Amino acid sequence: MLFAGPCTGLRGLLCLRTVRLVSQCGTRSNVIYTQGQSPEPRIREYFYYVDHQGQLFLDDTKMKNFVTCFKDKDFLSFFFTRLRRNESGRYQEHFPFLSLCGRERNFLRCDDRPLVFTHLMPALSGTKMGALRNGALGSGDTLQRLSFCWGGDKLSVPFQPESLYMHPGSGRVYHPCSEHLGGVGLIRSALAMELSPCFLYPPEAGQSGQPTHFLWAGQQHTLTNQLSGWFPPEDEDEPGEGGVG
């Protein structure tokens, strides 16, 4: 664990080195940074990356996996609740999001979306996901929440079943989030697979078409597909990436 708590920074914990960023498409860009660099007196800058499973890393971490990602929920909450679009004039093209922590600037890039929903939190303590799907809570319960970026109950939004959106090109599933975080959050693969049996499709399309409804907590929700407006039109024609999630 690199952080003892929020806003402690990385002073003395990192080997400062210059990094040439490799974009996710595999081509090298010309952006160069040094972790912990100080472009102005008493200002420090750090660079982070979020993968499609919602795990947060230092951007220059060579082996990105569960062992090397940040896990402290207090730090994750502090980082993501302060995350905004990067309008600082620095690194905007390569790190489109920025989390400010006092005199620290924490730049962020992402594999897909900066916010990734990782867990569905039951409305009642001890309630299992299967029971929720089967309508055990009845139609009036609205307390279910989606937790994001491994923050548990410190980072969550109300679950809106009707607002789920399955991208027709990639098959990934998305859910609304705050507009300052991009308006759309990705649902990580494991959770998307749990939710996939609840999608309903037109009889003539089978499961190869676009779902029209979502069956949840005893109700059949008509999908609004309003999130489609957040994706460029050309994205709709991209080939799939292995199905749901």
Protein backbone atom coordinates (compact mmCIF):
# COMPACT_ATOMS: atom_id res chain seq x y z
CA MET A 1 0.00 0.00 0.00
CA LEU A 2 1.53 3.26 -1.09
CA PHE A 3 -0.85 5.59 0.73
CA ALA A 4 -1.42 5.75 4.47
CA GLY A 5 -4.45 8.00 3.89
CA PRO A 6 -5.90 10.57 1.54
CA CYS A 7 -3.84 13.56 0.46
CA THR A 8 -0.59 12.13 1.83
CA GLY A 9 0.95 12.23 -1.63
CA LEU A 10 3.74 10.08 -2.93
CA ARG A 11 6.64 11.99 -1.43
CA GLY A 12 9.47 9.63 -0.58
CA LEU A 13 7.50 6.62 -1.80
CA LEU A 14 8.21 6.71 -5.50
CA CYS A 15 11.34 6.39 -7.55
CA LEU A 16 10.94 9.45 -9.75
CA ARG A 17 11.52 8.68 -13.38
CA THR A 18 10.58 10.04 -16.74
CA VAL A 19 7.89 8.04 -18.52
CA ARG A 20 6.93 8.03 -22.17
CA LEU A 21 3.22 7.24 -22.33
CA VAL A 22 2.04 4.35 -24.48
CA SER A 23 -1.51 4.88 -25.65
CA GLN A 24 -4.04 2.06 -25.34
CA CYS A 25 -3.96 1.47 -29.10
CA GLY A 26 -0.29 0.55 -28.73
CA THR A 27 1.34 3.52 -30.45
CA ARG A 28 3.74 5.77 -28.59
CA SER A 29 2.73 9.36 -27.95
CA ASN A 30 5.07 12.23 -27.24
CA VAL A 31 3.87 13.07 -23.74
CA ILE A 32 6.60 12.83 -21.11
CA TYR A 33 6.16 13.23 -17.37
CA THR A 34 7.92 12.44 -14.11
CA GLN A 35 5.92 11.10 -11.21
CA GLY A 36 6.02 13.72 -8.45
CA GLN A 37 7.26 16.47 -10.74
CA SER A 38 6.98 20.06 -9.53
CA PRO A 39 6.18 22.43 -12.43
CA GLU A 40 5.58 25.25 -9.95
CA PRO A 41 6.82 25.88 -6.41
CA ARG A 42 5.04 23.63 -3.87
CA ILE A 43 3.01 21.89 -6.59
CA ARG A 44 3.34 18.16 -7.24
CA GLU A 45 1.89 16.20 -10.16
CA TYR A 46 1.10 12.49 -10.31
CA PHE A 47 -0.30 10.31 -13.08
CA TYR A 48 -2.83 7.48 -12.77
CA TYR A 49 -4.68 4.92 -14.86
CA VAL A 50 -8.04 3.12 -14.41
CA ASP A 51 -8.54 -0.18 -16.22
CA HIS A 52 -11.84 -1.63 -17.42
CA GLN A 53 -12.23 -3.51 -14.13
CA GLY A 54 -12.20 -0.26 -12.16
CA GLN A 55 -8.74 -0.81 -10.66
CA LEU A 56 -6.65 2.31 -10.05
CA PHE A 57 -2.88 2.26 -10.69
CA LEU A 58 0.01 4.63 -10.97
CA ASP A 59 0.15 5.11 -14.71
CA ASP A 60 3.74 3.92 -15.05
CA THR A 61 3.18 0.68 -13.10
CA LYS A 62 4.56 -2.03 -15.37
CA MET A 63 2.53 -4.96 -14.01
CA LYS A 64 -1.06 -3.81 -13.59
CA ASN A 65 -3.02 -6.37 -11.59
CA PHE A 66 -4.88 -6.78 -8.30
CA VAL A 67 -1.63 -6.87 -6.37
CA THR A 68 -0.39 -3.50 -7.65
CA CYS A 69 -3.67 -1.53 -7.71
CA PHE A 70 -4.77 0.84 -4.94
CA LYS A 71 -7.11 -0.81 -2.43
CA ASP A 72 -7.48 1.62 0.48
CA LYS A 73 -11.13 2.71 0.38
CA ASP A 74 -10.48 6.03 2.10
CA PHE A 75 -7.92 6.97 -0.53
CA LEU A 76 -10.13 5.72 -3.39
CA SER A 77 -13.05 7.73 -2.04
CA PHE A 78 -10.91 10.85 -1.68
CA PHE A 79 -9.50 10.45 -5.18
CA PHE A 80 -12.73 9.73 -7.08
CA THR A 81 -15.01 12.17 -5.27
CA ARG A 82 -12.66 14.96 -6.39
CA LEU A 83 -12.31 13.72 -9.95
CA ARG A 84 -13.31 16.19 -12.65
CA ARG A 85 -12.62 16.77 -16.33
CA ASN A 86 -9.12 18.03 -16.85
CA GLU A 87 -9.45 21.68 -17.85
CA SER A 88 -6.12 22.69 -16.38
CA GLY A 89 -4.38 23.17 -19.71
CA ARG A 90 -1.87 20.47 -18.78
CA TYR A 91 -1.91 16.93 -20.25
CA GLN A 92 -5.56 17.31 -21.30
CA GLU A 93 -5.20 15.19 -24.44
CA HIS A 94 -3.61 12.21 -22.72
CA PHE A 95 -5.05 12.53 -19.19
CA PRO A 96 -8.62 13.86 -19.63
CA PHE A 97 -9.48 13.76 -15.91
CA LEU A 98 -7.95 15.44 -12.88
CA SER A 99 -8.32 14.91 -9.12
CA LEU A 100 -7.04 17.79 -6.99
CA CYS A 101 -5.71 17.15 -3.51
CA GLY A 102 -4.49 20.35 -1.94
CA ARG A 103 -1.33 21.22 -3.83
CA GLU A 104 -1.27 17.88 -5.64
CA ARG A 105 -2.58 17.43 -9.17
CA ASN A 106 -3.53 13.85 -9.89
CA PHE A 107 -4.00 13.27 -13.62
CA LEU A 108 -6.02 10.28 -14.79
CA ARG A 109 -6.49 8.37 -18.01
CA CYS A 110 -8.64 5.27 -18.45
CA ASP A 111 -9.03 2.13 -20.52
CA ASP A 112 -12.72 2.89 -21.21
CA ARG A 113 -14.43 5.15 -18.66
CA PRO A 114 -12.99 6.82 -15.54
CA LEU A 115 -15.80 5.40 -13.43
CA VAL A 116 -16.33 1.63 -13.43
CA PHE A 117 -19.15 0.03 -11.44
CA THR A 118 -17.73 -2.97 -9.61
CA HIS A 119 -20.43 -4.22 -7.23
CA LEU A 120 -24.18 -4.17 -6.74
CA MET A 121 -24.94 -3.54 -3.07
CA PRO A 122 -28.08 -5.29 -1.81
CA ALA A 123 -30.90 -3.20 -0.41
CA LEU A 124 -31.15 -5.43 2.66
CA SER A 125 -28.24 -6.73 4.68
CA GLY A 126 -27.39 -10.27 3.64
CA THR A 127 -29.65 -10.30 0.57
CA LYS A 128 -28.11 -12.24 -2.28
CA MET A 129 -28.09 -11.05 -5.87
CA GLY A 130 -30.14 -14.06 -6.99
CA ALA A 131 -32.87 -13.14 -4.53
CA LEU A 132 -32.91 -9.60 -5.86
CA ARG A 133 -33.27 -10.82 -9.43
CA ASN A 134 -36.15 -13.06 -8.45
CA GLY A 135 -38.08 -10.19 -6.95
CA ALA A 136 -37.58 -11.05 -3.27
CA LEU A 137 -37.62 -7.37 -2.33
CA GLY A 138 -40.88 -6.59 -4.08
CA SER A 139 -41.49 -3.77 -6.54
CA GLY A 140 -41.30 -0.84 -4.15
CA ASP A 141 -37.73 -1.11 -2.90
CA THR A 142 -35.42 1.57 -4.29
CA LEU A 143 -32.39 1.20 -2.00
CA GLN A 144 -30.17 -0.89 -4.25
CA ARG A 145 -26.94 0.91 -5.16
CA LEU A 146 -24.07 0.40 -7.55
CA SER A 147 -20.62 0.77 -6.03
CA PHE A 148 -17.79 1.97 -8.25
CA CYS A 149 -14.01 1.69 -8.43
CA TRP A 150 -13.78 -0.68 -5.45
CA GLY A 151 -14.88 2.00 -3.01
CA GLY A 152 -17.66 -0.02 -1.37
CA ASP A 153 -20.33 2.06 0.30
CA LYS A 154 -18.02 5.09 0.17
CA LEU A 155 -18.48 5.30 -3.61
CA SER A 156 -21.94 4.42 -4.88
CA VAL A 157 -24.94 5.67 -6.84
CA PRO A 158 -28.59 4.52 -6.90
CA PHE A 159 -29.16 1.60 -9.26
CA GLN A 160 -31.39 2.57 -12.20
CA PRO A 161 -32.32 -0.65 -14.06
CA GLU A 162 -34.15 1.15 -16.86
CA SER A 163 -31.04 3.21 -17.64
CA LEU A 164 -28.71 0.30 -18.34
CA TYR A 165 -27.28 0.41 -21.84
CA MET A 166 -25.68 -2.45 -23.74
CA HIS A 167 -23.39 -1.06 -26.42
CA PRO A 168 -24.27 -2.72 -29.74
CA GLY A 169 -20.66 -2.69 -30.94
CA SER A 170 -18.66 -3.91 -27.94
CA GLY A 171 -21.40 -5.63 -25.93
CA ARG A 172 -20.23 -3.77 -22.83
CA VAL A 173 -22.86 -2.56 -20.35
CA TYR A 174 -23.04 1.00 -19.03
CA HIS A 175 -24.96 2.88 -16.33
CA PRO A 176 -25.39 6.63 -15.71
CA CYS A 177 -23.02 8.54 -13.47
CA SER A 178 -22.35 12.17 -12.67
CA GLU A 179 -21.80 14.37 -15.71
CA HIS A 180 -18.52 15.72 -14.32
CA LEU A 181 -17.24 12.14 -14.57
CA GLY A 182 -18.37 11.77 -18.16
CA GLY A 183 -22.06 10.95 -17.65
CA VAL A 184 -21.51 7.23 -18.29
CA GLY A 185 -19.92 4.56 -16.11
CA LEU A 186 -18.82 1.14 -17.33
CA ILE A 187 -20.08 -1.98 -15.57
CA ARG A 188 -17.16 -4.35 -15.10
CA SER A 189 -17.23 -7.72 -16.83
CA ALA A 190 -18.02 -9.93 -13.83
CA LEU A 191 -20.98 -7.79 -12.76
CA ALA A 192 -22.23 -7.48 -16.34
CA MET A 193 -22.28 -11.26 -16.60
CA GLU A 194 -24.35 -11.45 -13.42
CA LEU A 195 -26.83 -8.99 -14.87
CA SER A 196 -26.96 -10.44 -18.38
CA PRO A 197 -29.76 -13.03 -17.75
CA CYS A 198 -32.05 -10.13 -16.80
CA PHE A 199 -31.93 -8.52 -20.26
CA LEU A 200 -34.93 -9.28 -22.44
CA TYR A 201 -34.81 -9.29 -26.24
CA PRO A 202 -37.42 -9.17 -29.02
CA PRO A 203 -38.47 -12.75 -29.95
CA GLU A 204 -37.34 -12.33 -33.54
CA ALA A 205 -33.89 -11.05 -32.57
CA GLY A 206 -32.85 -13.56 -29.95
CA GLN A 207 -29.85 -12.51 -27.88
CA SER A 208 -27.99 -11.29 -30.93
CA GLY A 209 -30.01 -8.07 -31.09
CA GLN A 210 -30.36 -5.10 -28.79
CA PRO A 211 -32.20 -5.75 -25.49
CA THR A 212 -35.43 -3.84 -24.99
CA HIS A 213 -36.26 -4.62 -21.33
CA PHE A 214 -34.57 -5.51 -18.07
CA LEU A 215 -36.25 -7.80 -15.54
CA TRP A 216 -35.40 -6.76 -12.00
CA ALA A 217 -36.98 -7.08 -8.54
CA GLY A 218 -40.22 -8.38 -9.97
CA GLN A 219 -40.59 -5.62 -12.55
CA GLN A 220 -40.00 -5.49 -16.28
CA HIS A 221 -38.24 -2.21 -16.97
CA THR A 222 -38.30 -0.72 -20.46
CA LEU A 223 -34.75 0.28 -21.35
CA THR A 224 -34.49 3.96 -22.25
CA ASN A 225 -31.14 3.65 -24.08
CA GLN A 226 -30.58 7.32 -23.32
CA LEU A 227 -26.88 6.67 -22.75
CA SER A 228 -26.44 5.96 -26.46
CA GLY A 229 -26.20 9.72 -26.94
CA TRP A 230 -22.90 9.78 -25.04
CA PHE A 231 -21.17 7.59 -27.64
CA PRO A 232 -19.90 8.81 -31.03
CA PRO A 233 -22.02 7.41 -33.89
CA GLU A 234 -19.05 5.60 -35.39
CA ASP A 235 -18.71 3.56 -32.17
CA GLU A 236 -21.95 1.74 -32.97
CA ASP A 237 -20.27 -0.07 -35.86
CA GLU A 238 -17.17 -1.22 -34.01
CA PRO A 239 -16.67 -4.98 -33.75
CA GLY A 240 -17.47 -6.63 -30.45
CA GLU A 241 -14.83 -7.25 -27.79
CA GLY A 242 -15.86 -10.58 -26.40
CA GLY A 243 -19.48 -9.98 -25.47
CA VAL A 244 -21.02 -8.50 -22.36
CA GLY A 245 -18.71 -6.40 -20.20
